[in-house]
Amino acid sequence: MRIRRGAPDFAIILSVMLLISIGIIMVFSSSAVTSQQTLGDPYYFLKKQALWAVLGTIAMYITSHFDYFRLKRIANPIFYICLLFLVIVLIIGSSSKGATRWLGIGSLSFQPSETIKLAMVIFLSKILSKKHGQIKSFSKGVLPVLGIMALVCVLIMGQPDLGTAIVVAGTTVLLLMAAGAKFGHLFLIALAGVGAVGLLILVEPYRMERFIAFLNPWADPTDTGFQTIQSLLALGSGGLFGVGLGASRQKLYYLPEKHTDFIYAIIGEELGFLGGMLILLLFIIFAWRGLKTALGAPDNFGSLLAAGITIMITFQAIINIGVVTGSLPVTGITLPFISYGGSSLLITMASVGVLLNISRFSSSK
């Protein structure tokens, strides 16, 4: 029997709210000059991000008070509805920069790929919690989960969105590990995943160009390597303490996607090495407390759900920071809680709310 043990994990709340607060400040700092010149309003992105942060806080509050065990009962319809949205976006979705990823009317839109990440974690947690005795079997325990993952990744790649597909695949494999799958099975899956990513890079010229630019961005500094070079220049010029909040030079039409995918580079430039390390520390605290919540959950479903949410958010942060620092090829995914983006922030905060609800029942305080 599950007994409510009190308040949600304070360290998770504190780390998340600090990350969101820093994100709002940095979205404004990185976008104010260019939004003034292009949109006539330096506060355009600030106002939208602040609004989504408020909506996200409301969503987090609601999900933190919604008994997570009830999610197990509605996991199937949540997943199927979000899967349907992935199909619909391929048919009538809005396109931008060669990608079809948005559904909506006018300025009100959302990315179905963001909703499917949370829906899939809930769905797989339910399935894996029931397969506790079969998880060592590849055919009965692992293969059905891989089939679901493959279906979702294929639909996401139809947009196309390799970065989100990698997050979904990586989260699934790590969730299988948390559920107790054999290391040998996971190793073979990882090898197959690396091969699949390699094939996707080979068949698409722009991905191949990005990969070559990752290996040596200075080979083509004005085109394919431009973004990585400008990101490294921003990080390098920040030094230990940074050039000062609002004083970034790279945000002045040098670094593309400065308030979205590459906002961590502006943080490194304006707040320095110490500012960048603060972000890493907050994500480490979030991951630590999230995994402690998973270990202390009173049931297998809650444990897997807490682990899945923690892995999903942390894994995406690792990839984003890896891209910005030139450690990984450019993939085009945002930094959770910090990058500009409404649907991403809303769903991520709703996910944290579920994690907080599980922490109410967790014995690991």
Protein backbone atom coordinates (compact mmCIF):
# COMPACT_ATOMS: atom_id res chain seq x y z
CA MET A 1 0.00 0.00 0.00
CA ARG A 2 1.37 3.41 -0.98
CA ILE A 3 1.51 6.01 1.79
CA ARG A 4 1.86 9.70 1.00
CA ARG A 5 5.04 10.81 2.70
CA GLY A 6 4.67 14.56 2.49
CA ALA A 7 6.06 17.35 0.37
CA PRO A 8 7.64 16.86 -3.07
CA ASP A 9 11.42 16.85 -3.44
CA PHE A 10 12.62 20.40 -2.73
CA ALA A 11 15.96 19.98 -4.54
CA ILE A 12 14.16 19.09 -7.79
CA ILE A 13 11.90 22.12 -7.47
CA LEU A 14 14.81 24.44 -6.66
CA SER A 15 17.06 23.22 -9.49
CA VAL A 16 14.26 23.40 -12.06
CA MET A 17 13.05 26.87 -11.03
CA LEU A 18 16.62 28.20 -11.06
CA LEU A 19 17.19 26.77 -14.54
CA ILE A 20 13.94 28.31 -15.79
CA SER A 21 14.78 31.69 -14.24
CA ILE A 22 18.23 31.69 -15.80
CA GLY A 23 16.65 30.63 -19.08
CA ILE A 24 14.21 33.54 -19.13
CA ILE A 25 17.02 36.01 -18.43
CA MET A 26 19.27 34.51 -21.08
CA VAL A 27 16.52 34.30 -23.70
CA PHE A 28 16.04 38.04 -23.27
CA SER A 29 19.76 38.77 -23.24
CA SER A 30 20.44 36.71 -26.36
CA SER A 31 17.46 37.90 -28.40
CA ALA A 32 16.78 41.54 -27.42
CA VAL A 33 18.98 43.27 -30.00
CA THR A 34 17.97 41.20 -33.00
CA SER A 35 14.27 41.09 -32.06
CA GLN A 36 14.30 44.88 -31.78
CA GLN A 37 15.75 45.20 -35.27
CA THR A 38 13.65 42.49 -36.94
CA LEU A 39 10.38 42.64 -34.96
CA GLY A 40 10.48 46.15 -33.48
CA ASP A 41 10.15 44.78 -29.94
CA PRO A 42 13.19 43.83 -27.82
CA TYR A 43 10.90 42.06 -25.36
CA TYR A 44 9.14 39.84 -27.92
CA PHE A 45 10.84 36.54 -27.02
CA LEU A 46 11.05 37.45 -23.34
CA LYS A 47 7.29 37.95 -23.07
CA LYS A 48 6.50 34.71 -24.89
CA GLN A 49 9.00 32.68 -22.85
CA ALA A 50 7.76 34.19 -19.58
CA LEU A 51 4.16 33.35 -20.56
CA TRP A 52 5.09 29.75 -21.33
CA ALA A 53 7.00 29.56 -18.05
CA VAL A 54 3.86 30.63 -16.18
CA LEU A 55 1.75 28.07 -18.08
CA GLY A 56 4.43 25.46 -17.46
CA THR A 57 4.43 26.22 -13.74
CA ILE A 58 0.66 25.72 -13.68
CA ALA A 59 1.05 22.44 -15.58
CA MET A 60 3.79 21.32 -13.17
CA TYR A 61 1.58 22.14 -10.18
CA ILE A 62 -1.35 20.19 -11.64
CA THR A 63 0.68 17.09 -12.54
CA SER A 64 2.48 17.16 -9.19
CA HIS A 65 -0.92 16.80 -7.50
CA PHE A 66 -2.24 14.19 -9.95
CA ASP A 67 -1.66 10.71 -8.50
CA TYR A 68 0.93 9.21 -10.86
CA PHE A 69 -0.56 5.73 -10.49
CA ARG A 70 -3.66 6.95 -12.33
CA LEU A 71 -1.39 7.65 -15.32
CA LYS A 72 -0.90 3.91 -15.60
CA ARG A 73 -4.60 3.49 -16.33
CA ILE A 74 -4.64 6.12 -19.08
CA ALA A 75 -1.16 5.47 -20.50
CA ASN A 76 -2.53 3.78 -23.63
CA PRO A 77 -4.90 6.55 -24.81
CA ILE A 78 -2.30 9.24 -24.01
CA PHE A 79 0.27 7.43 -26.14
CA TYR A 80 -2.10 6.69 -29.04
CA ILE A 81 -3.37 10.29 -29.17
CA CYS A 82 0.18 11.67 -29.22
CA LEU A 83 1.11 9.09 -31.86
CA LEU A 84 -1.85 10.28 -33.95
CA PHE A 85 -0.57 13.85 -33.70
CA LEU A 86 2.77 12.67 -35.09
CA VAL A 87 0.93 11.31 -38.13
CA ILE A 88 -1.22 14.42 -38.53
CA VAL A 89 1.80 16.75 -38.45
CA LEU A 90 3.25 14.93 -41.45
CA ILE A 91 0.03 15.63 -43.37
CA ILE A 92 -0.99 19.16 -42.43
CA GLY A 93 1.87 20.41 -40.23
CA SER A 94 3.56 23.79 -40.61
CA SER A 95 7.00 23.83 -42.20
CA SER A 96 10.05 25.90 -41.35
CA LYS A 97 13.64 25.58 -42.58
CA GLY A 98 12.84 22.36 -44.42
CA ALA A 99 11.19 20.63 -41.44
CA THR A 100 7.51 19.93 -40.78
CA ARG A 101 7.22 19.80 -36.99
CA TRP A 102 4.40 22.10 -35.87
CA LEU A 103 0.63 21.88 -35.53
CA GLY A 104 -1.54 24.88 -34.74
CA ILE A 105 -3.35 27.97 -35.91
CA GLY A 106 -1.51 31.24 -36.46
CA SER A 107 1.02 31.99 -33.75
CA LEU A 108 -0.42 29.31 -31.44
CA SER A 109 1.38 26.07 -32.26
CA PHE A 110 3.03 23.08 -30.64
CA GLN A 111 5.40 20.27 -31.57
CA PRO A 112 3.86 16.78 -31.34
CA SER A 113 7.39 15.39 -31.02
CA GLU A 114 7.58 17.07 -27.60
CA THR A 115 4.38 15.45 -26.34
CA ILE A 116 5.32 11.99 -27.62
CA LYS A 117 8.49 11.96 -25.47
CA LEU A 118 6.52 12.14 -22.22
CA ALA A 119 3.70 9.93 -23.53
CA MET A 120 6.22 7.27 -24.55
CA VAL A 121 7.96 7.28 -21.16
CA ILE A 122 4.58 6.76 -19.43
CA PHE A 123 3.57 4.04 -21.92
CA LEU A 124 6.88 2.15 -21.76
CA SER A 125 6.97 2.40 -17.96
CA LYS A 126 3.59 0.69 -17.86
CA ILE A 127 4.68 -2.04 -20.27
CA LEU A 128 8.04 -2.67 -18.59
CA SER A 129 6.49 -2.73 -15.11
CA LYS A 130 4.35 -5.65 -16.31
CA LYS A 131 7.29 -7.43 -17.99
CA HIS A 132 9.39 -7.62 -14.84
CA GLY A 133 9.76 -11.39 -15.18
CA GLN A 134 10.30 -11.32 -18.95
CA ILE A 135 12.77 -8.44 -19.31
CA LYS A 136 15.72 -10.84 -19.57
CA SER A 137 14.12 -12.36 -22.67
CA PHE A 138 14.92 -10.50 -25.88
CA SER A 139 11.87 -11.72 -27.81
CA LYS A 140 9.30 -11.29 -25.03
CA GLY A 141 10.72 -8.40 -23.02
CA VAL A 142 12.97 -6.24 -25.19
CA LEU A 143 11.77 -6.68 -28.78
CA PRO A 144 8.20 -5.34 -28.27
CA VAL A 145 9.65 -2.19 -26.68
CA LEU A 146 12.08 -1.75 -29.57
CA GLY A 147 9.18 -2.07 -32.01
CA ILE A 148 7.33 0.78 -30.31
CA MET A 149 10.51 2.88 -30.26
CA ALA A 150 11.14 2.20 -33.95
CA LEU A 151 7.61 3.27 -34.91
CA VAL A 152 7.92 6.55 -33.02
CA CYS A 153 11.40 7.26 -34.40
CA VAL A 154 10.29 6.58 -37.98
CA LEU A 155 7.43 9.08 -37.62
CA ILE A 156 9.76 11.66 -36.06
CA MET A 157 12.31 11.16 -38.84
CA GLY A 158 9.53 11.85 -41.33
CA GLN A 159 9.53 15.49 -40.16
CA PRO A 160 12.66 15.13 -40.23
CA ASP A 161 14.07 15.52 -36.68
CA LEU A 162 17.12 13.36 -36.03
CA GLY A 163 17.90 15.03 -32.69
CA THR A 164 14.54 14.19 -31.12
CA ALA A 165 14.67 10.66 -32.57
CA ILE A 166 18.03 10.16 -30.86
CA VAL A 167 16.60 11.42 -27.55
CA VAL A 168 13.64 9.01 -27.86
CA ALA A 169 15.89 6.07 -28.76
CA GLY A 170 18.46 6.85 -26.06
CA THR A 171 15.77 7.25 -23.40
CA THR A 172 14.21 3.93 -24.42
CA VAL A 173 17.50 2.02 -24.21
CA LEU A 174 18.37 3.54 -20.83
CA LEU A 175 14.85 2.78 -19.57
CA LEU A 176 15.36 -0.85 -20.63
CA MET A 177 18.57 -0.81 -18.61
CA ALA A 178 16.69 0.55 -15.59
CA ALA A 179 14.10 -2.21 -16.03
CA GLY A 180 16.82 -4.87 -15.81
CA ALA A 181 17.45 -5.86 -19.44
CA LYS A 182 20.59 -7.92 -20.13
CA PHE A 183 23.75 -5.95 -20.82
CA GLY A 184 24.46 -8.07 -23.91
CA HIS A 185 21.08 -7.17 -25.40
CA LEU A 186 21.61 -3.48 -24.65
CA PHE A 187 25.10 -3.55 -26.18
CA LEU A 188 23.76 -5.03 -29.42
CA ILE A 189 20.94 -2.47 -29.49
CA ALA A 190 23.45 0.34 -28.98
CA LEU A 191 25.59 -0.96 -31.85
CA ALA A 192 22.53 -1.19 -34.09
CA GLY A 193 21.55 2.34 -33.07
CA VAL A 194 24.96 3.74 -33.94
CA GLY A 195 24.76 1.97 -37.31
CA ALA A 196 21.27 3.38 -37.96
CA VAL A 197 22.40 6.93 -37.13
CA GLY A 198 25.42 6.47 -39.39
CA LEU A 199 23.17 5.33 -42.23
CA LEU A 200 20.82 8.29 -41.73
CA ILE A 201 23.83 10.60 -41.91
CA LEU A 202 25.11 8.97 -45.10
CA VAL A 203 21.81 9.12 -47.01
CA GLU A 204 21.15 12.82 -46.31
CA PRO A 205 23.74 15.29 -47.71
CA TYR A 206 23.12 18.05 -45.15
CA ARG A 207 23.61 15.60 -42.27
CA MET A 208 26.84 14.38 -43.86
CA GLU A 209 28.00 17.99 -44.16
CA ARG A 210 27.23 18.53 -40.47
CA PHE A 211 29.18 15.43 -39.52
CA ILE A 212 32.20 16.47 -41.58
CA ALA A 213 31.98 19.94 -40.03
CA PHE A 214 31.94 18.31 -36.58
CA LEU A 215 35.19 16.48 -37.38
CA ASN A 216 36.85 19.68 -38.64
CA PRO A 217 34.70 22.83 -38.56
CA TRP A 218 37.62 24.98 -39.75
CA ALA A 219 37.69 23.11 -43.06
CA ASP A 220 34.61 25.15 -44.09
CA PRO A 221 34.48 28.09 -41.65
CA THR A 222 31.99 30.20 -43.63
CA ASP A 223 29.37 27.51 -44.24
CA THR A 224 29.00 24.07 -42.60
CA GLY A 225 31.49 24.80 -39.82
CA PHE A 226 30.29 28.35 -39.16
CA GLN A 227 27.85 27.59 -36.34
CA THR A 228 30.25 25.38 -34.38
CA ILE A 229 33.11 27.88 -34.75
CA GLN A 230 30.97 30.79 -33.59
CA SER A 231 29.77 28.73 -30.63
CA LEU A 232 33.34 27.90 -29.62
CA LEU A 233 34.34 31.55 -30.02
CA ALA A 234 31.52 32.55 -27.68
CA LEU A 235 32.51 29.99 -25.06
CA GLY A 236 36.21 30.83 -25.36
CA SER A 237 35.77 34.59 -25.13
CA GLY A 238 33.79 34.24 -21.88
CA GLY A 239 36.81 33.19 -19.86
CA LEU A 240 36.29 32.44 -16.19
CA PHE A 241 33.79 35.16 -15.27
CA GLY A 242 32.30 36.11 -18.67
CA VAL A 243 32.09 39.39 -20.54
CA GLY A 244 29.04 40.45 -18.53
CA LEU A 245 25.29 39.88 -18.75
CA GLY A 246 23.99 41.42 -21.98
CA ALA A 247 27.49 42.12 -23.35
CA SER A 248 27.76 39.17 -25.74
CA ARG A 249 29.21 39.96 -29.16
CA GLN A 250 28.41 36.61 -30.77
CA LYS A 251 24.66 37.20 -30.41
CA LEU A 252 24.93 40.17 -32.81
CA TYR A 253 24.21 38.18 -35.99
CA TYR A 254 27.28 35.95 -35.61
CA LEU A 255 25.89 32.88 -33.83
CA PRO A 256 22.74 31.34 -35.39
CA GLU A 257 20.00 29.94 -33.10
CA LYS A 258 21.46 31.92 -30.21
CA HIS A 259 18.28 31.92 -28.10
CA THR A 260 17.28 28.33 -28.91
CA ASP A 261 19.71 25.48 -29.67
CA PHE A 262 22.89 27.45 -28.90
CA ILE A 263 21.85 29.48 -25.88
CA TYR A 264 24.42 27.66 -23.74
CA ALA A 265 27.17 29.33 -25.81
CA ILE A 266 25.78 32.77 -24.92
CA ILE A 267 25.66 31.71 -21.26
CA GLY A 268 29.32 30.75 -21.49
CA GLU A 269 30.21 34.03 -23.14
CA GLU A 270 28.29 36.35 -20.82
CA LEU A 271 28.56 34.43 -17.54
CA GLY A 272 31.84 32.66 -18.21
CA PHE A 273 33.06 29.22 -17.20
CA LEU A 274 31.48 29.64 -13.77
CA GLY A 275 28.08 30.38 -15.30
CA GLY A 276 28.33 27.35 -17.55
CA MET A 277 29.35 25.17 -14.60
CA LEU A 278 26.38 26.45 -12.60
CA ILE A 279 24.05 25.15 -15.31
CA LEU A 280 25.81 21.78 -15.27
CA LEU A 281 25.60 21.64 -11.47
CA LEU A 282 21.85 22.32 -11.52
CA PHE A 283 21.29 19.53 -14.06
CA ILE A 284 23.44 17.19 -11.95
CA ILE A 285 21.32 18.00 -8.88
CA PHE A 286 18.16 17.40 -10.90
CA ALA A 287 19.46 14.04 -12.19
CA TRP A 288 20.65 12.96 -8.74
CA ARG A 289 17.37 13.72 -7.00
CA GLY A 290 15.34 12.32 -9.89
CA LEU A 291 17.17 9.00 -9.75
CA LYS A 292 16.89 8.92 -5.93
CA THR A 293 13.16 9.39 -6.37
CA ALA A 294 13.13 6.44 -8.79
CA LEU A 295 15.05 4.24 -6.35
CA GLY A 296 12.69 5.09 -3.51
CA ALA A 297 9.41 4.77 -5.44
CA PRO A 298 6.96 2.35 -3.80
CA ASP A 299 6.13 0.42 -6.98
CA ASN A 300 7.83 -0.68 -10.19
CA PHE A 301 5.76 1.61 -12.43
CA GLY A 302 6.61 4.69 -10.35
CA SER A 303 10.28 3.74 -10.27
CA LEU A 304 10.49 3.34 -14.06
CA LEU A 305 8.43 6.47 -14.68
CA ALA A 306 10.67 8.60 -12.44
CA ALA A 307 13.79 7.13 -14.03
CA GLY A 308 12.41 7.66 -17.54
CA ILE A 309 11.54 11.32 -16.98
CA THR A 310 14.91 12.01 -15.36
CA ILE A 311 16.77 10.23 -18.16
CA MET A 312 14.76 11.96 -20.91
CA ILE A 313 15.49 15.48 -19.65
CA THR A 314 19.10 14.86 -18.62
CA PHE A 315 19.98 13.01 -21.84
CA GLN A 316 18.65 15.89 -23.94
CA ALA A 317 20.67 18.38 -21.88
CA ILE A 318 23.83 16.31 -22.38
CA ILE A 319 23.32 16.21 -26.15
CA ASN A 320 22.63 19.94 -26.40
CA ILE A 321 25.68 20.91 -24.34
CA GLY A 322 27.75 18.39 -26.29
CA VAL A 323 26.72 20.06 -29.57
CA VAL A 324 27.40 23.58 -28.29
CA THR A 325 30.87 22.63 -27.03
CA GLY A 326 31.74 20.88 -30.30
CA SER A 327 31.79 17.45 -28.65
CA LEU A 328 28.90 16.17 -30.79
CA PRO A 329 27.63 16.93 -34.32
CA VAL A 330 24.90 19.57 -34.64
CA THR A 331 21.52 17.88 -34.10
CA GLY A 332 19.11 20.75 -33.55
CA ILE A 333 17.63 20.09 -30.11
CA THR A 334 17.06 22.60 -27.33
CA LEU A 335 18.48 22.84 -23.80
CA PRO A 336 15.67 21.84 -21.39
CA PHE A 337 14.24 24.64 -19.21
CA ILE A 338 16.55 27.25 -20.75
CA SER A 339 16.17 27.44 -24.54
CA TYR A 340 13.34 29.46 -26.07
CA GLY A 341 10.39 27.26 -27.03
CA GLY A 342 6.83 27.09 -25.72
CA SER A 343 5.73 23.49 -26.22
CA SER A 344 9.13 22.19 -25.12
CA LEU A 345 9.06 24.16 -21.87
CA LEU A 346 5.42 23.31 -21.14
CA ILE A 347 5.82 19.55 -21.64
CA THR A 348 9.13 19.43 -19.79
CA MET A 349 7.65 21.20 -16.77
CA ALA A 350 4.59 18.93 -16.86
CA SER A 351 7.03 15.98 -16.85
CA VAL A 352 8.78 17.42 -13.79
CA GLY A 353 5.40 17.67 -12.09
CA VAL A 354 4.90 13.92 -12.55
CA LEU A 355 8.37 13.35 -11.10
CA LEU A 356 7.50 15.53 -8.12
CA ASN A 357 4.31 13.56 -7.54
CA ILE A 358 6.30 10.33 -7.40
CA SER A 359 8.72 11.97 -4.95
CA ARG A 360 5.79 12.50 -2.57
CA PHE A 361 5.58 8.71 -2.17
CA SER A 362 9.33 8.02 -2.41
CA SER A 363 11.18 6.65 0.61
CA SER A 364 14.44 8.29 -0.59
CA LYS A 365 14.17 11.77 0.91
